[in-house]
N, C-alpha and C. Protein backbone atom coordinates (compact mmCIF):
# COMPACT_ATOMS: atom_id res chain seq x y z
N MET A 1 -8.69 77.10 -3.86
CA MET A 1 -10.18 77.51 -3.76
C MET A 1 -11.01 76.62 -2.97
N ALA A 2 -11.87 77.18 -2.31
CA ALA A 2 -12.80 76.75 -1.53
C ALA A 2 -13.62 75.60 -2.21
N GLN A 3 -14.11 75.55 -3.23
CA GLN A 3 -15.10 74.64 -3.87
C GLN A 3 -14.13 73.41 -4.27
N SER A 4 -12.77 73.62 -4.55
CA SER A 4 -12.05 72.54 -5.11
C SER A 4 -12.04 71.34 -4.59
N PRO A 5 -12.07 70.83 -3.00
CA PRO A 5 -12.20 69.54 -2.69
C PRO A 5 -13.63 69.05 -2.90
N GLU A 6 -14.56 69.82 -2.79
CA GLU A 6 -16.00 69.40 -2.89
C GLU A 6 -16.12 68.92 -4.26
N LEU A 7 -15.69 69.76 -5.37
CA LEU A 7 -15.72 69.58 -6.77
C LEU A 7 -14.92 68.22 -7.18
N GLU A 8 -13.78 68.12 -6.63
CA GLU A 8 -13.18 66.98 -6.92
C GLU A 8 -13.81 65.66 -6.40
N ARG A 9 -14.48 65.66 -5.23
CA ARG A 9 -15.41 64.89 -4.65
C ARG A 9 -16.50 64.51 -5.64
N ASP A 10 -17.10 65.49 -6.34
CA ASP A 10 -18.34 65.41 -7.09
C ASP A 10 -17.97 64.65 -8.58
N LEU A 11 -16.83 65.08 -9.08
CA LEU A 11 -16.17 64.63 -10.29
C LEU A 11 -15.95 63.14 -10.01
N LYS A 12 -15.32 62.94 -9.09
CA LYS A 12 -14.89 61.26 -8.69
C LYS A 12 -16.30 60.50 -8.57
N LEU A 13 -17.17 61.11 -7.81
CA LEU A 13 -18.35 60.35 -7.64
C LEU A 13 -19.28 60.16 -9.06
N LEU A 14 -19.25 61.18 -9.81
CA LEU A 14 -19.96 61.17 -11.26
C LEU A 14 -19.16 60.18 -11.94
N ASP A 15 -17.83 59.98 -12.04
CA ASP A 15 -17.08 59.01 -12.73
C ASP A 15 -17.47 57.64 -12.13
N ALA A 16 -17.53 57.29 -10.85
CA ALA A 16 -17.93 56.12 -10.37
C ALA A 16 -19.28 55.73 -10.59
N GLU A 17 -20.26 56.70 -10.54
CA GLU A 17 -21.58 56.34 -10.90
C GLU A 17 -21.81 56.12 -12.16
N LEU A 18 -21.05 56.76 -13.14
CA LEU A 18 -21.27 56.53 -14.64
C LEU A 18 -20.78 54.97 -14.88
N ARG A 19 -19.64 54.72 -14.38
CA ARG A 19 -19.20 53.26 -14.58
C ARG A 19 -20.06 52.34 -14.08
N LYS A 20 -20.71 52.54 -12.72
CA LYS A 20 -21.70 51.54 -12.24
C LYS A 20 -22.97 51.59 -13.10
N LEU A 21 -23.34 52.68 -13.61
CA LEU A 21 -24.69 52.75 -14.74
C LEU A 21 -24.30 51.90 -15.79
N GLU A 22 -23.06 51.95 -16.46
CA GLU A 22 -22.62 51.44 -17.80
C GLU A 22 -22.77 49.97 -17.44
N ALA A 23 -22.08 49.38 -16.36
CA ALA A 23 -22.20 48.01 -15.94
C ALA A 23 -23.59 47.60 -15.64
N GLU A 24 -24.39 48.21 -15.10
CA GLU A 24 -25.82 47.78 -14.80
C GLU A 24 -26.59 47.79 -16.24
N TYR A 25 -26.44 48.64 -17.12
CA TYR A 25 -26.89 48.66 -18.27
C TYR A 25 -26.51 47.41 -19.25
N ASN A 26 -25.04 47.02 -19.07
CA ASN A 26 -24.51 45.87 -19.84
C ASN A 26 -25.32 44.69 -19.01
N MET A 27 -25.32 44.66 -17.84
CA MET A 27 -26.15 43.48 -17.05
C MET A 27 -27.67 43.15 -17.78
N PHE A 28 -28.32 44.39 -17.57
CA PHE A 28 -29.70 44.45 -18.14
C PHE A 28 -29.75 43.69 -19.60
N PHE A 29 -28.94 44.19 -20.51
CA PHE A 29 -29.14 44.04 -21.99
C PHE A 29 -28.58 42.41 -22.07
N ALA A 30 -27.68 42.00 -21.07
CA ALA A 30 -27.13 40.59 -21.17
C ALA A 30 -28.42 39.76 -20.49
N GLY A 31 -29.57 40.40 -19.82
CA GLY A 31 -30.38 39.49 -19.29
C GLY A 31 -30.20 39.05 -17.73
N ARG A 32 -29.25 39.73 -17.30
CA ARG A 32 -28.94 39.58 -15.92
C ARG A 32 -29.63 40.47 -14.71
N LEU A 33 -30.48 41.36 -15.16
CA LEU A 33 -31.00 42.31 -14.40
C LEU A 33 -32.57 42.55 -15.07
N PRO A 34 -33.57 42.49 -14.27
CA PRO A 34 -34.96 42.14 -14.74
C PRO A 34 -35.36 43.58 -15.41
N ARG A 35 -34.83 44.60 -15.03
CA ARG A 35 -35.23 45.92 -15.47
C ARG A 35 -34.23 47.00 -15.61
N PRO A 36 -34.24 48.07 -16.62
CA PRO A 36 -33.25 49.03 -16.80
C PRO A 36 -32.91 49.61 -15.53
N PRO A 37 -31.69 50.00 -15.33
CA PRO A 37 -31.50 50.80 -14.02
C PRO A 37 -31.76 52.12 -13.82
N TRP A 38 -32.96 52.32 -13.70
CA TRP A 38 -33.55 53.99 -13.80
C TRP A 38 -32.92 54.68 -12.48
N GLU A 39 -32.96 54.03 -11.49
CA GLU A 39 -32.44 54.81 -10.30
C GLU A 39 -31.00 55.23 -10.53
N THR A 40 -30.26 54.49 -10.97
CA THR A 40 -28.90 54.84 -11.14
C THR A 40 -28.65 55.87 -12.23
N ARG A 41 -29.43 55.67 -13.24
CA ARG A 41 -29.57 56.71 -14.38
C ARG A 41 -30.05 58.09 -13.73
N THR A 42 -31.16 58.00 -12.85
CA THR A 42 -31.77 59.43 -12.48
C THR A 42 -30.59 60.08 -11.80
N ARG A 43 -29.77 59.16 -10.66
CA ARG A 43 -28.68 59.84 -10.00
C ARG A 43 -27.98 60.47 -10.82
N VAL A 44 -27.25 59.94 -11.82
CA VAL A 44 -26.33 60.60 -12.78
C VAL A 44 -26.66 61.74 -13.33
N GLU A 45 -27.76 61.66 -14.02
CA GLU A 45 -28.58 62.96 -14.67
C GLU A 45 -28.69 63.82 -13.82
N ALA A 46 -28.85 63.62 -12.45
CA ALA A 46 -29.23 64.88 -11.39
C ALA A 46 -27.64 65.32 -11.31
N LEU A 47 -26.66 64.49 -11.06
CA LEU A 47 -25.20 65.10 -10.78
C LEU A 47 -24.54 65.78 -12.08
N VAL A 48 -25.02 65.30 -13.15
CA VAL A 48 -24.52 65.99 -14.30
C VAL A 48 -25.09 67.20 -14.40
N LYS A 49 -26.39 67.51 -14.25
CA LYS A 49 -27.09 69.00 -14.30
C LYS A 49 -26.39 69.69 -13.06
N ARG A 50 -26.40 69.18 -12.06
CA ARG A 50 -25.97 70.03 -10.86
C ARG A 50 -24.53 70.54 -11.32
N LEU A 51 -23.65 69.68 -11.71
CA LEU A 51 -22.19 70.15 -12.00
C LEU A 51 -22.15 71.12 -13.08
N ASP A 52 -23.15 70.93 -13.99
CA ASP A 52 -23.36 71.64 -15.43
C ASP A 52 -23.33 73.22 -14.91
N ARG A 53 -24.41 73.43 -13.80
CA ARG A 53 -24.58 74.47 -13.32
C ARG A 53 -23.65 75.16 -12.50
N THR A 54 -22.47 74.28 -11.98
CA THR A 54 -21.53 74.89 -11.36
C THR A 54 -20.54 75.68 -11.81
N TYR A 55 -20.08 76.98 -11.41
CA TYR A 55 -19.00 77.53 -12.02
C TYR A 55 -17.63 77.11 -11.80
N ILE A 56 -17.04 76.46 -12.60
CA ILE A 56 -15.85 75.84 -12.62
C ILE A 56 -14.55 76.57 -13.05
N HIS A 57 -13.77 77.25 -12.08
CA HIS A 57 -12.58 78.04 -12.66
C HIS A 57 -11.39 77.33 -13.11
N ASN A 58 -11.21 76.26 -12.63
CA ASN A 58 -9.95 75.36 -13.04
C ASN A 58 -10.25 74.76 -14.37
N THR A 59 -9.36 74.99 -15.45
CA THR A 59 -9.58 74.35 -16.64
C THR A 59 -9.44 72.90 -16.86
N GLY A 60 -8.56 72.20 -16.08
CA GLY A 60 -8.61 70.90 -16.13
C GLY A 60 -9.84 70.31 -15.47
N ASP A 61 -10.43 70.85 -14.42
CA ASP A 61 -11.81 70.31 -14.04
C ASP A 61 -12.84 70.42 -15.18
N ARG A 62 -12.86 71.74 -15.69
CA ARG A 62 -14.03 71.71 -16.66
C ARG A 62 -13.80 70.60 -17.72
N PHE A 63 -12.46 70.41 -18.14
CA PHE A 63 -12.40 69.36 -19.11
C PHE A 63 -12.70 67.99 -18.77
N ARG A 64 -12.63 67.73 -17.50
CA ARG A 64 -12.90 66.31 -16.80
C ARG A 64 -14.50 66.39 -17.01
N LEU A 65 -15.03 67.47 -16.74
CA LEU A 65 -16.53 67.49 -16.63
C LEU A 65 -17.17 67.08 -17.88
N SER A 66 -16.56 68.03 -18.95
CA SER A 66 -16.84 67.80 -20.08
C SER A 66 -16.74 66.46 -20.99
N ASN A 67 -15.57 65.86 -20.52
CA ASN A 67 -15.52 64.48 -20.94
C ASN A 67 -16.44 63.57 -20.28
N LEU A 68 -16.73 63.58 -19.03
CA LEU A 68 -17.77 62.68 -18.36
C LEU A 68 -19.03 63.03 -18.95
N GLN A 69 -19.44 64.38 -19.32
CA GLN A 69 -20.93 64.50 -19.72
C GLN A 69 -20.92 64.06 -21.27
N SER A 70 -19.88 64.17 -22.11
CA SER A 70 -19.77 63.33 -23.46
C SER A 70 -20.08 62.23 -23.24
N ARG A 71 -19.42 61.27 -22.54
CA ARG A 71 -19.25 59.96 -22.28
C ARG A 71 -21.05 59.49 -21.85
N PHE A 72 -21.42 60.22 -20.86
CA PHE A 72 -22.75 60.06 -20.64
C PHE A 72 -23.75 60.22 -21.65
N ALA A 73 -23.55 61.08 -22.45
CA ALA A 73 -24.63 61.48 -23.80
C ALA A 73 -24.20 60.34 -24.53
N LYS A 74 -23.29 59.82 -24.98
CA LYS A 74 -22.92 58.90 -25.93
C LYS A 74 -23.56 57.46 -25.35
N PHE A 75 -23.39 57.28 -24.09
CA PHE A 75 -24.16 56.00 -23.59
C PHE A 75 -25.53 56.02 -23.70
N SER A 76 -25.98 57.26 -23.23
CA SER A 76 -27.52 57.43 -23.23
C SER A 76 -28.32 57.37 -24.73
N GLU A 77 -27.28 57.67 -25.70
CA GLU A 77 -27.94 57.33 -26.87
C GLU A 77 -27.86 55.76 -27.40
N LEU A 78 -26.75 55.23 -27.00
CA LEU A 78 -26.60 53.95 -27.30
C LEU A 78 -27.61 53.17 -26.42
N TRP A 79 -27.81 53.37 -25.16
CA TRP A 79 -28.84 52.66 -24.43
C TRP A 79 -30.37 52.91 -24.95
N GLU A 80 -30.65 54.09 -25.39
CA GLU A 80 -31.80 54.27 -26.17
C GLU A 80 -32.02 53.51 -27.49
N ARG A 81 -31.14 53.34 -28.14
CA ARG A 81 -30.96 52.54 -29.25
C ARG A 81 -31.43 51.00 -28.77
N GLY A 82 -30.74 50.73 -27.89
CA GLY A 82 -30.85 49.29 -27.51
C GLY A 82 -32.35 49.03 -26.91
N MET A 83 -32.80 49.88 -26.11
CA MET A 83 -34.29 49.80 -25.66
C MET A 83 -35.24 49.97 -26.81
N ARG A 84 -34.64 50.73 -28.03
CA ARG A 84 -36.05 50.97 -29.01
C ARG A 84 -35.81 49.36 -29.57
N SER A 85 -34.58 48.94 -30.08
CA SER A 85 -34.31 47.67 -30.53
C SER A 85 -35.17 46.56 -29.94
N ARG A 86 -35.07 46.45 -28.73
CA ARG A 86 -35.58 45.56 -27.78
C ARG A 86 -37.18 45.58 -27.92
N GLU A 87 -37.69 46.80 -28.00
CA GLU A 87 -39.04 47.00 -27.96
C GLU A 87 -39.81 46.60 -29.03
N GLU A 88 -38.92 46.83 -30.32
CA GLU A 88 -39.28 46.46 -31.51
C GLU A 88 -39.11 45.30 -31.97
N GLY A 89 -38.34 44.32 -31.00
CA GLY A 89 -38.15 42.76 -31.19
C GLY A 89 -37.12 42.61 -32.30
N ARG A 90 -36.18 43.36 -32.45
CA ARG A 90 -35.18 43.35 -33.55
C ARG A 90 -33.70 43.50 -32.89
N PRO A 91 -32.69 42.91 -33.30
CA PRO A 91 -31.51 43.11 -32.74
C PRO A 91 -30.93 44.29 -32.69
N GLY A 92 -30.17 44.67 -31.54
CA GLY A 92 -29.63 46.23 -31.33
C GLY A 92 -28.31 46.37 -31.26
N PRO A 93 -27.72 47.30 -30.79
CA PRO A 93 -26.42 47.18 -30.40
C PRO A 93 -26.00 46.43 -29.38
N PHE A 94 -26.74 45.78 -28.58
CA PHE A 94 -26.10 44.81 -27.41
C PHE A 94 -26.61 43.54 -27.91
N ALA A 95 -27.08 43.22 -29.10
CA ALA A 95 -27.44 41.91 -29.42
C ALA A 95 -26.42 40.92 -29.38
N GLN A 96 -26.36 39.75 -29.07
CA GLN A 96 -25.25 38.78 -29.09
C GLN A 96 -24.78 38.36 -30.33
N ARG A 97 -23.44 38.44 -30.68
CA ARG A 97 -23.32 37.89 -32.02
C ARG A 97 -23.18 36.21 -31.87
N PRO A 98 -23.25 35.82 -33.15
CA PRO A 98 -23.14 34.42 -33.06
C PRO A 98 -21.39 34.16 -32.89
N ALA A 99 -21.15 33.12 -32.25
CA ALA A 99 -19.64 32.93 -32.04
C ALA A 99 -19.22 32.49 -33.33
N ALA A 100 -19.75 31.56 -34.29
CA ALA A 100 -19.24 31.05 -35.58
C ALA A 100 -20.19 31.17 -36.36
N PRO A 101 -19.94 31.42 -37.73
CA PRO A 101 -21.09 31.23 -38.92
C PRO A 101 -21.44 29.81 -38.84
N PRO A 102 -22.85 29.66 -39.26
CA PRO A 102 -23.23 28.15 -39.26
C PRO A 102 -22.63 27.24 -40.35
N ALA A 103 -22.89 25.92 -40.01
CA ALA A 103 -22.18 25.04 -40.89
C ALA A 103 -22.32 25.20 -42.40
N PRO A 104 -21.45 24.84 -43.07
CA PRO A 104 -21.70 25.02 -44.46
C PRO A 104 -22.99 24.43 -45.24
N ALA A 105 -23.43 23.34 -44.34
CA ALA A 105 -24.62 22.86 -45.00
C ALA A 105 -25.90 23.89 -45.56
N ALA A 106 -25.76 24.89 -44.98
CA ALA A 106 -26.86 25.59 -45.48
C ALA A 106 -26.61 26.59 -46.69
N LYS A 107 -25.45 26.15 -47.17
CA LYS A 107 -24.88 27.06 -48.46
C LYS A 107 -25.86 26.80 -49.61
N SER A 108 -26.30 25.73 -49.87
CA SER A 108 -27.00 25.52 -51.32
C SER A 108 -28.49 25.78 -51.02
N ARG A 109 -28.98 26.11 -49.81
CA ARG A 109 -30.34 26.35 -49.60
C ARG A 109 -30.74 27.63 -50.32
N ALA A 110 -31.83 27.46 -51.17
CA ALA A 110 -32.37 28.47 -51.95
C ALA A 110 -33.36 29.39 -51.21
N LYS A 111 -34.66 29.21 -51.27
CA LYS A 111 -35.81 30.00 -50.99
C LYS A 111 -35.83 29.89 -49.49
N VAL A 112 -35.96 31.14 -49.06
CA VAL A 112 -36.28 31.38 -47.53
C VAL A 112 -37.72 31.87 -47.23
N TYR A 113 -38.12 32.89 -47.98
CA TYR A 113 -39.44 33.25 -47.81
C TYR A 113 -39.79 34.12 -48.87
N ASP A 114 -41.17 33.95 -49.08
CA ASP A 114 -41.94 34.75 -50.25
C ASP A 114 -43.16 35.48 -49.69
N THR A 115 -43.32 36.65 -49.90
CA THR A 115 -44.74 37.27 -49.62
C THR A 115 -44.88 38.39 -50.68
N SER A 116 -46.15 38.86 -50.70
CA SER A 116 -46.37 39.92 -51.77
C SER A 116 -47.21 40.91 -51.10
N PHE A 117 -47.03 42.21 -51.68
CA PHE A 117 -47.76 43.36 -51.15
C PHE A 117 -48.65 44.16 -52.14
N GLN A 118 -49.67 44.72 -51.85
CA GLN A 118 -50.31 45.96 -52.80
C GLN A 118 -50.00 47.24 -52.19
N ASP A 119 -50.15 47.39 -50.67
CA ASP A 119 -49.77 48.70 -50.10
C ASP A 119 -49.00 48.09 -48.60
N PRO A 120 -47.66 48.40 -48.90
CA PRO A 120 -46.93 48.01 -47.58
C PRO A 120 -47.25 48.65 -46.22
N LEU A 121 -47.56 49.76 -46.44
CA LEU A 121 -48.17 50.49 -45.28
C LEU A 121 -49.41 50.10 -44.70
N LYS A 122 -50.20 49.58 -45.42
CA LYS A 122 -51.39 48.96 -44.89
C LYS A 122 -51.27 47.41 -44.41
N GLU A 123 -50.14 46.74 -44.85
CA GLU A 123 -49.91 45.50 -44.62
C GLU A 123 -48.57 45.33 -43.64
N MET A 124 -48.62 46.03 -42.55
CA MET A 124 -47.49 46.27 -41.50
C MET A 124 -46.97 44.87 -40.80
N ASP A 125 -48.01 43.93 -40.78
CA ASP A 125 -47.68 42.80 -40.22
C ASP A 125 -46.80 41.81 -41.08
N LYS A 126 -47.20 41.66 -42.35
CA LYS A 126 -46.49 41.14 -43.63
C LYS A 126 -45.17 41.80 -43.60
N LEU A 127 -45.09 43.20 -43.60
CA LEU A 127 -43.72 43.85 -43.67
C LEU A 127 -42.91 43.40 -42.51
N HIS A 128 -43.35 43.52 -41.37
CA HIS A 128 -42.52 43.20 -40.07
C HIS A 128 -41.95 41.62 -40.30
N ASP A 129 -42.94 40.65 -41.03
CA ASP A 129 -42.50 39.53 -40.83
C ASP A 129 -41.35 39.33 -42.20
N LEU A 130 -41.47 39.94 -43.12
CA LEU A 130 -40.49 39.82 -44.26
C LEU A 130 -39.34 40.39 -43.58
N TYR A 131 -39.30 41.64 -42.87
CA TYR A 131 -38.06 41.83 -42.21
C TYR A 131 -37.24 41.29 -41.31
N ASP A 132 -38.17 40.28 -40.53
CA ASP A 132 -37.60 39.48 -39.68
C ASP A 132 -36.78 38.46 -40.48
N ARG A 133 -37.55 37.95 -41.24
CA ARG A 133 -37.09 36.74 -42.04
C ARG A 133 -35.77 37.34 -42.78
N LEU A 134 -35.60 38.57 -43.30
CA LEU A 134 -34.34 39.07 -43.93
C LEU A 134 -33.09 39.12 -42.78
N VAL A 135 -33.51 39.87 -41.82
CA VAL A 135 -32.47 39.85 -40.57
C VAL A 135 -31.97 38.66 -40.33
N ASP A 136 -33.06 37.40 -40.03
CA ASP A 136 -32.47 36.19 -39.69
C ASP A 136 -31.66 35.58 -40.63
N ALA A 137 -31.84 35.69 -41.85
CA ALA A 137 -31.13 35.41 -43.26
C ALA A 137 -29.84 35.94 -43.02
N ARG A 138 -29.60 37.15 -43.10
CA ARG A 138 -28.53 37.98 -43.04
C ARG A 138 -27.51 37.63 -41.58
N ARG A 139 -28.19 37.48 -40.47
CA ARG A 139 -27.52 36.99 -39.35
C ARG A 139 -26.93 35.55 -39.83
N GLU A 140 -27.58 34.47 -40.27
CA GLU A 140 -27.06 33.15 -40.31
C GLU A 140 -25.94 33.14 -41.43
N VAL A 141 -25.87 33.96 -42.06
CA VAL A 141 -24.57 34.02 -42.90
C VAL A 141 -23.40 35.25 -42.47
N GLY A 142 -23.83 35.73 -41.18
CA GLY A 142 -22.82 36.58 -40.79
C GLY A 142 -22.78 38.01 -41.24
N GLU A 143 -23.89 38.32 -41.81
CA GLU A 143 -24.04 39.56 -42.44
C GLU A 143 -24.77 40.63 -41.47
N GLU A 144 -24.57 42.16 -41.47
CA GLU A 144 -25.20 42.85 -40.59
C GLU A 144 -26.58 42.89 -40.96
N GLY A 145 -27.68 43.33 -39.75
CA GLY A 145 -28.94 43.58 -40.10
C GLY A 145 -29.00 45.12 -40.49
N VAL A 146 -30.28 45.37 -41.18
CA VAL A 146 -30.38 46.44 -41.77
C VAL A 146 -31.56 47.27 -40.84
N PRO A 147 -31.35 48.68 -40.78
CA PRO A 147 -32.46 49.41 -39.82
C PRO A 147 -33.77 49.29 -40.69
N PHE A 148 -34.92 49.00 -39.69
CA PHE A 148 -36.32 48.77 -40.29
C PHE A 148 -36.76 49.77 -41.13
N HIS A 149 -36.53 51.17 -40.84
CA HIS A 149 -37.05 52.26 -41.42
C HIS A 149 -36.53 52.18 -42.85
N LYS A 150 -35.14 51.84 -43.07
CA LYS A 150 -34.66 51.94 -44.21
C LYS A 150 -35.20 50.73 -45.32
N PHE A 151 -35.42 49.55 -44.63
CA PHE A 151 -36.06 48.44 -45.12
C PHE A 151 -37.44 48.87 -45.76
N ALA A 152 -37.97 49.53 -44.75
CA ALA A 152 -39.62 49.82 -45.06
C ALA A 152 -39.54 50.70 -46.19
N GLU A 153 -38.62 51.60 -46.18
CA GLU A 153 -38.50 52.71 -47.65
C GLU A 153 -38.13 52.12 -48.91
N LEU A 154 -37.27 51.16 -48.69
CA LEU A 154 -36.99 50.30 -49.95
C LEU A 154 -38.09 49.40 -50.43
N VAL A 155 -38.88 48.87 -49.44
CA VAL A 155 -40.03 47.88 -50.02
C VAL A 155 -41.15 48.99 -50.58
N LYS A 156 -41.33 50.08 -49.77
CA LYS A 156 -42.22 50.94 -50.29
C LYS A 156 -41.94 51.34 -51.75
N GLY A 157 -40.69 51.91 -51.83
CA GLY A 157 -40.21 52.40 -53.12
C GLY A 157 -40.07 51.39 -54.25
N GLN A 158 -39.84 49.92 -53.87
CA GLN A 158 -40.23 48.94 -55.18
C GLN A 158 -41.53 48.73 -55.47
N VAL A 159 -42.51 48.97 -54.42
CA VAL A 159 -43.89 48.67 -54.60
C VAL A 159 -44.31 49.73 -55.68
N SER A 160 -43.94 50.97 -55.12
CA SER A 160 -44.45 52.30 -56.00
C SER A 160 -43.98 52.07 -57.28
N ARG A 161 -42.72 51.81 -57.51
CA ARG A 161 -42.03 51.86 -58.93
C ARG A 161 -42.70 50.75 -59.64
N LEU A 162 -42.95 49.71 -59.27
CA LEU A 162 -43.50 48.57 -60.12
C LEU A 162 -45.08 48.82 -60.24
N ARG A 163 -45.87 49.49 -59.36
CA ARG A 163 -47.11 49.58 -59.57
C ARG A 163 -47.43 50.77 -60.56
N GLN A 164 -46.35 51.74 -60.68
CA GLN A 164 -46.53 52.63 -61.83
C GLN A 164 -46.41 52.06 -63.17
N LYS A 165 -45.90 50.79 -63.19
CA LYS A 165 -45.45 50.11 -64.52
C LYS A 165 -46.93 49.15 -64.83
N GLY A 166 -47.91 49.35 -63.81
CA GLY A 166 -49.20 48.67 -64.27
C GLY A 166 -49.29 47.31 -63.28
N VAL A 167 -48.41 47.05 -62.43
CA VAL A 167 -48.47 45.89 -61.75
C VAL A 167 -49.36 46.12 -60.52
N ASP A 168 -50.29 45.07 -60.44
CA ASP A 168 -51.32 45.26 -59.01
C ASP A 168 -50.42 44.77 -57.65
N GLU A 169 -49.70 43.82 -57.73
CA GLU A 169 -49.13 43.23 -56.46
C GLU A 169 -47.71 42.91 -56.66
N VAL A 170 -46.73 43.27 -55.68
CA VAL A 170 -45.19 43.07 -55.99
C VAL A 170 -44.69 41.99 -54.94
N ALA A 171 -44.35 40.84 -55.45
CA ALA A 171 -43.74 39.59 -54.47
C ALA A 171 -42.14 40.12 -54.39
N PHE A 172 -42.10 39.80 -52.98
CA PHE A 172 -40.54 39.99 -52.69
C PHE A 172 -40.17 38.48 -52.24
N ARG A 173 -38.89 38.19 -52.33
CA ARG A 173 -38.32 36.94 -51.96
C ARG A 173 -37.05 37.17 -51.26
N VAL A 174 -36.98 36.30 -49.88
CA VAL A 174 -35.66 36.33 -49.58
C VAL A 174 -35.15 35.00 -49.61
N SER A 175 -33.86 34.95 -50.24
CA SER A 175 -33.22 33.59 -50.60
C SER A 175 -31.93 33.58 -49.82
N VAL A 176 -31.17 32.57 -49.99
CA VAL A 176 -29.73 32.05 -49.49
C VAL A 176 -29.20 31.41 -50.79
N LYS A 177 -28.13 31.92 -51.40
CA LYS A 177 -27.60 30.81 -52.14
C LYS A 177 -26.10 31.20 -52.08
N ASP A 178 -25.39 30.09 -51.85
CA ASP A 178 -23.79 30.12 -52.02
C ASP A 178 -23.28 31.10 -50.57
N GLY A 179 -24.11 31.26 -49.66
CA GLY A 179 -23.63 31.86 -48.55
C GLY A 179 -23.69 33.12 -48.59
N LYS A 180 -24.87 33.85 -49.37
CA LYS A 180 -25.32 35.11 -49.73
C LYS A 180 -26.74 35.29 -49.75
N VAL A 181 -26.93 36.44 -49.09
CA VAL A 181 -28.61 36.54 -48.95
C VAL A 181 -28.87 37.52 -50.27
N ASN A 182 -30.10 37.09 -50.88
CA ASN A 182 -30.68 37.68 -51.88
C ASN A 182 -32.22 38.13 -51.54
N PHE A 183 -32.26 39.28 -51.83
CA PHE A 183 -33.52 40.26 -51.63
C PHE A 183 -34.15 40.69 -52.88
N THR A 184 -35.11 40.14 -53.44
CA THR A 184 -35.67 40.26 -54.95
C THR A 184 -37.18 40.78 -54.88
N ALA A 185 -37.53 41.55 -55.81
CA ALA A 185 -38.74 41.99 -55.89
C ALA A 185 -39.01 41.79 -57.42
N ARG A 186 -40.38 41.46 -57.57
CA ARG A 186 -41.12 41.16 -58.93
C ARG A 186 -42.49 41.55 -59.08
N GLY A 187 -43.00 41.76 -60.25
CA GLY A 187 -44.40 42.14 -60.24
C GLY A 187 -45.33 40.76 -60.65
N VAL A 188 -46.25 40.98 -59.88
CA VAL A 188 -47.06 39.57 -60.15
C VAL A 188 -48.26 39.97 -61.05
N LYS A 189 -48.55 39.02 -61.89
CA LYS A 189 -49.59 39.34 -62.81
C LYS A 189 -50.98 39.36 -62.16
N PRO A 190 -51.80 39.94 -62.78
CA PRO A 190 -53.08 40.15 -62.01
C PRO A 190 -53.78 38.90 -61.83
N SER A 191 -53.80 38.15 -62.76
CA SER A 191 -54.34 36.57 -62.60
C SER A 191 -53.74 35.66 -61.62
N GLY A 192 -52.47 35.85 -61.17
CA GLY A 192 -51.87 34.66 -60.50
C GLY A 192 -51.01 35.37 -58.99
N GLY A 193 -50.27 34.62 -58.74
CA GLY A 193 -49.36 35.03 -57.54
C GLY A 193 -49.99 34.80 -56.19
N GLY A 194 -49.10 34.42 -55.38
CA GLY A 194 -49.77 34.17 -54.07
C GLY A 194 -48.83 34.69 -52.94
N ASP A 195 -49.16 34.22 -51.75
CA ASP A 195 -48.69 34.89 -50.64
C ASP A 195 -48.33 33.54 -49.63
N ASN A 196 -46.96 33.28 -49.49
CA ASN A 196 -46.41 32.15 -48.65
C ASN A 196 -46.49 32.36 -47.16
N SER A 197 -46.96 33.47 -46.73
CA SER A 197 -46.84 33.78 -45.26
C SER A 197 -47.58 32.99 -44.38
C-alpha cells in the first residue's frame, strides 16, 4: 500500500516521542527539569490526533496505534495526578519513597498533633495542617498516604456526627504508638478544649 511506509515511519516516531516524553516527565518530577515538557507533549498529542484520523487498513498497524494511544492516555492521567499532587503540596505518584523506615527510637512516641474544629469547611487551613501531619506520620512509619478529599470527608463526617450529639467542637489527634499511626476524634465540652496548632 502507498501509505504503509509513511504510516510505519509515523508509528515509529510516535513510539520514540512517547518514550522521550516519559523520560522528560520523569526528569521533571525528579527535579532535574525546571518545568514540565509541554512542547514534547504537544507534539505527541498532535501526532496521536493525526494518526487517529488516518484510515489504517492493516490490523497489525491499527493494533500498534491503539497500544500507543492507550499508553499515552495512561501516562497523561498519571502525569496529571502528579501535577495536581505537586500543586496541592502533597506526595503524589512520583514522590520519592524513603529508602528504609526510620530508626525504632520513634516507636514509643505518643502525641504528634492535636487540633479541633467546629466547621472543617470554614477552617481549611487547620484541615490542611491536620492532613499534612497525618500524612507525615504515616510516611514515617512506612504507611501509604490517603487522598485529601477522602480525609476531608472523614473529618467532616466525624464533626457532623458528634455535633448531632450536642458537641460544640470536635478535637482530632494524630499520634504514633508502637510504630502505628492513630487518628482519633472526640467531642470537646463547651467549657474547655483547645487548639494546639
